[in-house]
Amino acid sequence: MSLKSVYIEWEDSCSSRGWKSEDKDGPVLIKTLGWLAHDMPHCVVVTTSKSSAGNIMDPLTIPKSCIKKLRKVRL
């Protein structure tokens, strides 16, 4: 199976330790470049690598409700 390369901008939750100003907290914008391993109804799975045996490395599941931009990338 051939994987498509993708660029994704998505909002992620964030947390911090200790005392913080209330107006400094909030979601952060993440930019991810990788291979689209799975496109499911409510999420996508992006991977960094795929072996010849079909195994994927470091899969990242991103809920579609968090995705701000998703573009296929031509290599």
PDB file of N, CA and C in Angstrom:
ATOM      1  N   MET A   1       0.837  -1.180   0.000  1.00  0.00           N
ATOM      2  CA  MET A   1       0.000   0.000   0.000  1.00  0.00           C
ATOM      3  C   MET A   1       0.883   1.244   0.000  1.00  0.00           C
ATOM      4  N   SER A   2       0.587   2.158  -0.906  1.00  0.00           N
ATOM      5  CA  SER A   2       1.326   3.408  -1.001  1.00  0.00           C
ATOM      6  C   SER A   2       0.663   4.461  -0.116  1.00  0.00           C
ATOM      7  N   LEU A   3       1.465   5.142   0.668  1.00  0.00           N
ATOM      8  CA  LEU A   3       0.941   6.175   1.557  1.00  0.00           C
ATOM      9  C   LEU A   3       1.087   7.541   0.906  1.00  0.00           C
ATOM     10  N   LYS A   4       0.123   8.422   1.158  1.00  0.00           N
ATOM     11  CA  LYS A   4       0.171   9.790   0.654  1.00  0.00           C
ATOM     12  C   LYS A   4       0.844  10.680   1.691  1.00  0.00           C
ATOM     13  N   SER A   5       1.689  11.578   1.225  1.00  0.00           N
ATOM     14  CA  SER A   5       2.306  12.538   2.136  1.00  0.00           C
ATOM     15  C   SER A   5       1.330  13.694   2.367  1.00  0.00           C
ATOM     16  N   VAL A   6       1.254  14.158   3.622  1.00  0.00           N
ATOM     17  CA  VAL A   6       0.299  15.202   3.987  1.00  0.00           C
ATOM     18  C   VAL A   6       0.939  16.231   4.919  1.00  0.00           C
ATOM     19  N   TYR A   7       0.384  17.442   4.856  1.00  0.00           N
ATOM     20  CA  TYR A   7       0.707  18.529   5.778  1.00  0.00           C
ATOM     21  C   TYR A   7      -0.585  18.831   6.528  1.00  0.00           C
ATOM     22  N   ILE A   8      -0.518  18.850   7.857  1.00  0.00           N
ATOM     23  CA  ILE A   8      -1.713  19.080   8.678  1.00  0.00           C
ATOM     24  C   ILE A   8      -1.421  20.178   9.699  1.00  0.00           C
ATOM     25  N   GLU A   9      -2.333  21.147   9.797  1.00  0.00           N
ATOM     26  CA  GLU A   9      -2.315  22.109  10.897  1.00  0.00           C
ATOM     27  C   GLU A   9      -3.498  21.761  11.779  1.00  0.00           C
ATOM     28  N   TRP A  10      -3.229  21.606  13.083  1.00  0.00           N
ATOM     29  CA  TRP A  10      -4.295  21.180  13.995  1.00  0.00           C
ATOM     30  C   TRP A  10      -4.062  21.756  15.382  1.00  0.00           C
ATOM     31  N   GLU A  11      -5.176  21.935  16.099  1.00  0.00           N
ATOM     32  CA  GLU A  11      -5.121  22.457  17.464  1.00  0.00           C
ATOM     33  C   GLU A  11      -4.993  21.303  18.443  1.00  0.00           C
ATOM     34  N   ASP A  12      -4.059  21.463  19.364  1.00  0.00           N
ATOM     35  CA  ASP A  12      -3.848  20.452  20.392  1.00  0.00           C
ATOM     36  C   ASP A  12      -4.091  21.076  21.761  1.00  0.00           C
ATOM     37  N   SER A  13      -4.518  20.267  22.684  1.00  0.00           N
ATOM     38  CA  SER A  13      -4.659  20.715  24.061  1.00  0.00           C
ATOM     39  C   SER A  13      -3.271  20.941  24.638  1.00  0.00           C
ATOM     40  N   CYS A  14      -3.193  21.772  25.659  1.00  0.00           N
ATOM     41  CA  CYS A  14      -1.903  21.963  26.308  1.00  0.00           C
ATOM     42  C   CYS A  14      -2.115  22.034  27.814  1.00  0.00           C
ATOM     43  N   SER A  15      -1.070  21.724  28.515  1.00  0.00           N
ATOM     44  CA  SER A  15      -1.096  21.827  29.970  1.00  0.00           C
ATOM     45  C   SER A  15       0.263  22.326  30.425  1.00  0.00           C
ATOM     46  N   SER A  16       0.304  22.833  31.630  1.00  0.00           N
ATOM     47  CA  SER A  16       1.571  23.304  32.186  1.00  0.00           C
ATOM     48  C   SER A  16       1.546  23.107  33.693  1.00  0.00           C
ATOM     49  N   ARG A  17       2.716  23.141  34.265  1.00  0.00           N
ATOM     50  CA  ARG A  17       2.833  22.941  35.708  1.00  0.00           C
ATOM     51  C   ARG A  17       2.997  24.278  36.404  1.00  0.00           C
ATOM     52  N   GLY A  18       2.586  24.320  37.632  1.00  0.00           N
ATOM     53  CA  GLY A  18       2.795  25.516  38.438  1.00  0.00           C
ATOM     54  C   GLY A  18       1.781  26.610  38.150  1.00  0.00           C
ATOM     55  N   TRP A  19       2.034  27.759  38.735  1.00  0.00           N
ATOM     56  CA  TRP A  19       1.134  28.894  38.580  1.00  0.00           C
ATOM     57  C   TRP A  19       1.354  29.555  37.238  1.00  0.00           C
ATOM     58  N   LYS A  20       0.258  29.846  36.546  1.00  0.00           N
ATOM     59  CA  LYS A  20       0.318  30.498  35.241  1.00  0.00           C
ATOM     60  C   LYS A  20      -0.766  31.554  35.154  1.00  0.00           C
ATOM     61  N   SER A  21      -0.563  32.543  34.309  1.00  0.00           N
ATOM     62  CA  SER A  21      -1.574  33.554  34.049  1.00  0.00           C
ATOM     63  C   SER A  21      -2.707  32.914  33.253  1.00  0.00           C
ATOM     64  N   GLU A  22      -3.941  33.208  33.599  1.00  0.00           N
ATOM     65  CA  GLU A  22      -5.095  32.601  32.918  1.00  0.00           C
ATOM     66  C   GLU A  22      -5.144  32.921  31.434  1.00  0.00           C
ATOM     67  N   ASP A  23      -4.727  34.106  31.040  1.00  0.00           N
ATOM     68  CA  ASP A  23      -4.839  34.486  29.629  1.00  0.00           C
ATOM     69  C   ASP A  23      -3.723  33.898  28.764  1.00  0.00           C
ATOM     70  N   LYS A  24      -2.783  33.178  29.326  1.00  0.00           N
ATOM     71  CA  LYS A  24      -1.678  32.596  28.566  1.00  0.00           C
ATOM     72  C   LYS A  24      -1.955  31.134  28.184  1.00  0.00           C
ATOM     73  N   ASP A  25      -2.955  30.522  28.750  1.00  0.00           N
ATOM     74  CA  ASP A  25      -3.235  29.115  28.475  1.00  0.00           C
ATOM     75  C   ASP A  25      -4.211  28.975  27.328  1.00  0.00           C
ATOM     76  N   GLY A  26      -4.195  27.857  26.685  1.00  0.00           N
ATOM     77  CA  GLY A  26      -5.133  27.589  25.607  1.00  0.00           C
ATOM     78  C   GLY A  26      -4.535  26.616  24.614  1.00  0.00           C
ATOM     79  N   PRO A  27      -5.328  26.234  23.633  1.00  0.00           N
ATOM     80  CA  PRO A  27      -4.838  25.295  22.630  1.00  0.00           C
ATOM     81  C   PRO A  27      -3.648  25.873  21.870  1.00  0.00           C
ATOM     82  N   VAL A  28      -2.820  24.985  21.363  1.00  0.00           N
ATOM     83  CA  VAL A  28      -1.670  25.401  20.563  1.00  0.00           C
ATOM     84  C   VAL A  28      -1.833  24.858  19.149  1.00  0.00           C
ATOM     85  N   LEU A  29      -1.336  25.609  18.166  1.00  0.00           N
ATOM     86  CA  LEU A  29      -1.405  25.174  16.777  1.00  0.00           C
ATOM     87  C   LEU A  29      -0.187  24.309  16.470  1.00  0.00           C
ATOM     88  N   ILE A  30      -0.420  23.112  15.996  1.00  0.00           N
ATOM     89  CA  ILE A  30       0.630  22.156  15.669  1.00  0.00           C
ATOM     90  C   ILE A  30       0.685  22.008  14.155  1.00  0.00           C
ATOM     91  N   LYS A  31       1.879  21.903  13.613  1.00  0.00           N
ATOM     92  CA  LYS A  31       2.076  21.662  12.183  1.00  0.00           C
ATOM     93  C   LYS A  31       2.766  20.314  12.038  1.00  0.00           C
ATOM     94  N   THR A  32       2.130  19.405  11.308  1.00  0.00           N
ATOM     95  CA  THR A  32       2.637  18.040  11.151  1.00  0.00           C
ATOM     96  C   THR A  32       2.814  17.721   9.679  1.00  0.00           C
ATOM     97  N   LEU A  33       3.945  17.125   9.348  1.00  0.00           N
ATOM     98  CA  LEU A  33       4.233  16.655   8.014  1.00  0.00           C
ATOM     99  C   LEU A  33       4.534  15.166   8.128  1.00  0.00           C
ATOM    100  N   GLY A  34       3.810  14.328   7.385  1.00  0.00           N
ATOM    101  CA  GLY A  34       4.024  12.891   7.500  1.00  0.00           C
ATOM    102  C   GLY A  34       3.269  12.119   6.439  1.00  0.00           C
ATOM    103  N   TRP A  35       3.125  10.838   6.686  1.00  0.00           N
ATOM    104  CA  TRP A  35       2.419   9.931   5.783  1.00  0.00           C
ATOM    105  C   TRP A  35       1.050   9.610   6.348  1.00  0.00           C
ATOM    106  N   LEU A  36       0.015   9.725   5.524  1.00  0.00           N
ATOM    107  CA  LEU A  36      -1.349   9.428   5.950  1.00  0.00           C
ATOM    108  C   LEU A  36      -1.544   7.914   5.955  1.00  0.00           C
ATOM    109  N   ALA A  37      -1.587   7.327   7.140  1.00  0.00           N
ATOM    110  CA  ALA A  37      -1.721   5.877   7.277  1.00  0.00           C
ATOM    111  C   ALA A  37      -3.181   5.446   7.242  1.00  0.00           C
ATOM    112  N   HIS A  38      -4.070   6.233   7.873  1.00  0.00           N
ATOM    113  CA  HIS A  38      -5.492   5.908   7.923  1.00  0.00           C
ATOM    114  C   HIS A  38      -6.308   7.190   7.896  1.00  0.00           C
ATOM    115  N   ASP A  39      -7.398   7.171   7.148  1.00  0.00           N
ATOM    116  CA  ASP A  39      -8.353   8.279   7.124  1.00  0.00           C
ATOM    117  C   ASP A  39      -9.693   7.691   7.521  1.00  0.00           C
ATOM    118  N   MET A  40     -10.073   7.907   8.787  1.00  0.00           N
ATOM    119  CA  MET A  40     -11.296   7.343   9.339  1.00  0.00           C
ATOM    120  C   MET A  40     -12.336   8.442   9.496  1.00  0.00           C
ATOM    121  N   PRO A  41     -13.602   8.091   9.752  1.00  0.00           N
ATOM    122  CA  PRO A  41     -14.658   9.114   9.836  1.00  0.00           C
ATOM    123  C   PRO A  41     -14.386  10.240  10.837  1.00  0.00           C
ATOM    124  N   HIS A  42     -13.782   9.931  11.987  1.00  0.00           N
ATOM    125  CA  HIS A  42     -13.619  10.942  13.025  1.00  0.00           C
ATOM    126  C   HIS A  42     -12.164  11.330  13.282  1.00  0.00           C
ATOM    127  N   CYS A  43     -11.213  10.669  12.596  1.00  0.00           N
ATOM    128  CA  CYS A  43      -9.810  10.976  12.838  1.00  0.00           C
ATOM    129  C   CYS A  43      -8.942  10.535  11.664  1.00  0.00           C
ATOM    130  N   VAL A  44      -7.711  11.040  11.663  1.00  0.00           N
ATOM    131  CA  VAL A  44      -6.701  10.569  10.724  1.00  0.00           C
ATOM    132  C   VAL A  44      -5.526  10.049  11.540  1.00  0.00           C
ATOM    133  N   VAL A  45      -4.777   9.130  10.952  1.00  0.00           N
ATOM    134  CA  VAL A  45      -3.557   8.622  11.581  1.00  0.00           C
ATOM    135  C   VAL A  45      -2.401   8.944  10.648  1.00  0.00           C
ATOM    136  N   VAL A  46      -1.421   9.644  11.189  1.00  0.00           N
ATOM    137  CA  VAL A  46      -0.237  10.036  10.435  1.00  0.00           C
ATOM    138  C   VAL A  46       0.954   9.273  11.020  1.00  0.00           C
ATOM    139  N   THR A  47       1.866   8.871  10.138  1.00  0.00           N
ATOM    140  CA  THR A  47       3.035   8.129  10.587  1.00  0.00           C
ATOM    141  C   THR A  47       4.310   8.771  10.049  1.00  0.00           C
ATOM    142  N   THR A  48       5.426   8.472  10.688  1.00  0.00           N
ATOM    143  CA  THR A  48       6.714   8.998  10.229  1.00  0.00           C
ATOM    144  C   THR A  48       7.365   8.077   9.203  1.00  0.00           C
ATOM    145  N   SER A  49       7.077   6.776   9.303  1.00  0.00           N
ATOM    146  CA  SER A  49       7.731   5.793   8.440  1.00  0.00           C
ATOM    147  C   SER A  49       6.872   4.550   8.296  1.00  0.00           C
ATOM    148  N   LYS A  50       7.101   3.804   7.188  1.00  0.00           N
ATOM    149  CA  LYS A  50       6.428   2.532   6.964  1.00  0.00           C
ATOM    150  C   LYS A  50       7.457   1.531   6.452  1.00  0.00           C
ATOM    151  N   SER A  51       7.463   0.341   7.032  1.00  0.00           N
ATOM    152  CA  SER A  51       8.427  -0.676   6.625  1.00  0.00           C
ATOM    153  C   SER A  51       7.918  -1.460   5.421  1.00  0.00           C
ATOM    154  N   SER A  52       8.810  -2.218   4.790  1.00  0.00           N
ATOM    155  CA  SER A  52       8.415  -3.058   3.659  1.00  0.00           C
ATOM    156  C   SER A  52       7.465  -4.172   4.107  1.00  0.00           C
ATOM    157  N   ALA A  53       7.439  -4.473   5.415  1.00  0.00           N
ATOM    158  CA  ALA A  53       6.522  -5.475   5.966  1.00  0.00           C
ATOM    159  C   ALA A  53       5.145  -4.879   6.243  1.00  0.00           C
ATOM    160  N   GLY A  54       4.997  -3.554   6.049  1.00  0.00           N
ATOM    161  CA  GLY A  54       3.705  -2.908   6.262  1.00  0.00           C
ATOM    162  C   GLY A  54       3.505  -2.321   7.642  1.00  0.00           C
ATOM    163  N   ASN A  55       4.507  -2.373   8.505  1.00  0.00           N
ATOM    164  CA  ASN A  55       4.404  -1.802   9.848  1.00  0.00           C
ATOM    165  C   ASN A  55       4.659  -0.300   9.783  1.00  0.00           C
ATOM    166  N   ILE A  56       3.941   0.460  10.619  1.00  0.00           N
ATOM    167  CA  ILE A  56       4.144   1.908  10.677  1.00  0.00           C
ATOM    168  C   ILE A  56       4.808   2.282  11.993  1.00  0.00           C
ATOM    169  N   MET A  57       5.582   3.378  11.965  1.00  0.00           N
ATOM    170  CA  MET A  57       6.318   3.826  13.147  1.00  0.00           C
ATOM    171  C   MET A  57       5.710   5.106  13.701  1.00  0.00           C
ATOM    172  N   ASP A  58       5.620   5.188  15.007  1.00  0.00           N
ATOM    173  CA  ASP A  58       5.170   6.389  15.715  1.00  0.00           C
ATOM    174  C   ASP A  58       3.864   6.961  15.176  1.00  0.00           C
ATOM    175  N   PRO A  59       2.784   6.159  15.124  1.00  0.00           N
ATOM    176  CA  PRO A  59       1.519   6.694  14.616  1.00  0.00           C
ATOM    177  C   PRO A  59       0.964   7.787  15.527  1.00  0.00           C
ATOM    178  N   LEU A  60       0.416   8.821  14.895  1.00  0.00           N
ATOM    179  CA  LEU A  60      -0.195   9.940  15.607  1.00  0.00           C
ATOM    180  C   LEU A  60      -1.644  10.040  15.150  1.00  0.00           C
ATOM    181  N   THR A  61      -2.579   9.891  16.076  1.00  0.00           N
ATOM    182  CA  THR A  61      -4.006   9.983  15.765  1.00  0.00           C
ATOM    183  C   THR A  61      -4.476  11.406  16.067  1.00  0.00           C
ATOM    184  N   ILE A  62      -5.059  12.051  15.059  1.00  0.00           N
ATOM    185  CA  ILE A  62      -5.533  13.427  15.204  1.00  0.00           C
ATOM    186  C   ILE A  62      -7.036  13.454  14.950  1.00  0.00           C
ATOM    187  N   PRO A  63      -7.834  13.888  15.930  1.00  0.00           N
ATOM    188  CA  PRO A  63      -9.278  14.009  15.699  1.00  0.00           C
ATOM    189  C   PRO A  63      -9.558  15.028  14.594  1.00  0.00           C
ATOM    190  N   LYS A  64     -10.475  14.708  13.702  1.00  0.00           N
ATOM    191  CA  LYS A  64     -10.803  15.626  12.603  1.00  0.00           C
ATOM    192  C   LYS A  64     -11.360  16.946  13.111  1.00  0.00           C
ATOM    193  N   SER A  65     -11.990  16.944  14.268  1.00  0.00           N
ATOM    194  CA  SER A  65     -12.527  18.192  14.830  1.00  0.00           C
ATOM    195  C   SER A  65     -11.414  19.163  15.220  1.00  0.00           C
ATOM    196  N   CYS A  66     -10.176  18.702  15.343  1.00  0.00           N
ATOM    197  CA  CYS A  66      -9.038  19.552  15.692  1.00  0.00           C
ATOM    198  C   CYS A  66      -8.289  20.061  14.469  1.00  0.00           C
ATOM    199  N   ILE A  67      -8.558  19.483  13.298  1.00  0.00           N
ATOM    200  CA  ILE A  67      -7.810  19.826  12.089  1.00  0.00           C
ATOM    201  C   ILE A  67      -8.308  21.145  11.504  1.00  0.00           C
ATOM    202  N   LYS A  68      -7.380  22.065  11.301  1.00  0.00           N
ATOM    203  CA  LYS A  68      -7.673  23.359  10.692  1.00  0.00           C
ATOM    204  C   LYS A  68      -7.350  23.348   9.202  1.00  0.00           C
ATOM    205  N   LYS A  69      -6.325  22.603   8.808  1.00  0.00           N
ATOM    206  CA  LYS A  69      -5.906  22.534   7.402  1.00  0.00           C
ATOM    207  C   LYS A  69      -5.273  21.164   7.166  1.00  0.00           C
ATOM    208  N   LEU A  70      -5.643  20.526   6.055  1.00  0.00           N
ATOM    209  CA  LEU A  70      -5.023  19.260   5.646  1.00  0.00           C
ATOM    210  C   LEU A  70      -4.806  19.323   4.146  1.00  0.00           C
ATOM    211  N   ARG A  71      -3.553  19.190   3.757  1.00  0.00           N
ATOM    212  CA  ARG A  71      -3.221  19.249   2.328  1.00  0.00           C
ATOM    213  C   ARG A  71      -2.324  18.078   1.974  1.00  0.00           C
ATOM    214  N   LYS A  72      -2.575  17.484   0.810  1.00  0.00           N
ATOM    215  CA  LYS A  72      -1.665  16.477   0.299  1.00  0.00           C
ATOM    216  C   LYS A  72      -0.427  17.198  -0.207  1.00  0.00           C
ATOM    217  N   VAL A  73       0.720  16.584  -0.012  1.00  0.00           N
ATOM    218  CA  VAL A  73       1.996  17.170  -0.401  1.00  0.00           C
ATOM    219  C   VAL A  73       2.604  16.313  -1.511  1.00  0.00           C
ATOM    220  N   ARG A  74       3.048  16.962  -2.546  1.00  0.00           N
ATOM    221  CA  ARG A  74       3.701  16.231  -3.629  1.00  0.00           C
ATOM    222  C   ARG A  74       5.201  16.208  -3.371  1.00  0.00           C
ATOM    223  N   LEU A  75       5.766  15.019  -3.407  1.00  0.00           N
ATOM    224  CA  LEU A  75       7.221  14.879  -3.189  1.00  0.00           C
ATOM    225  C   LEU A  75       7.931  14.698  -4.505  1.00  0.00           C
TER     226      LEU A  75
END
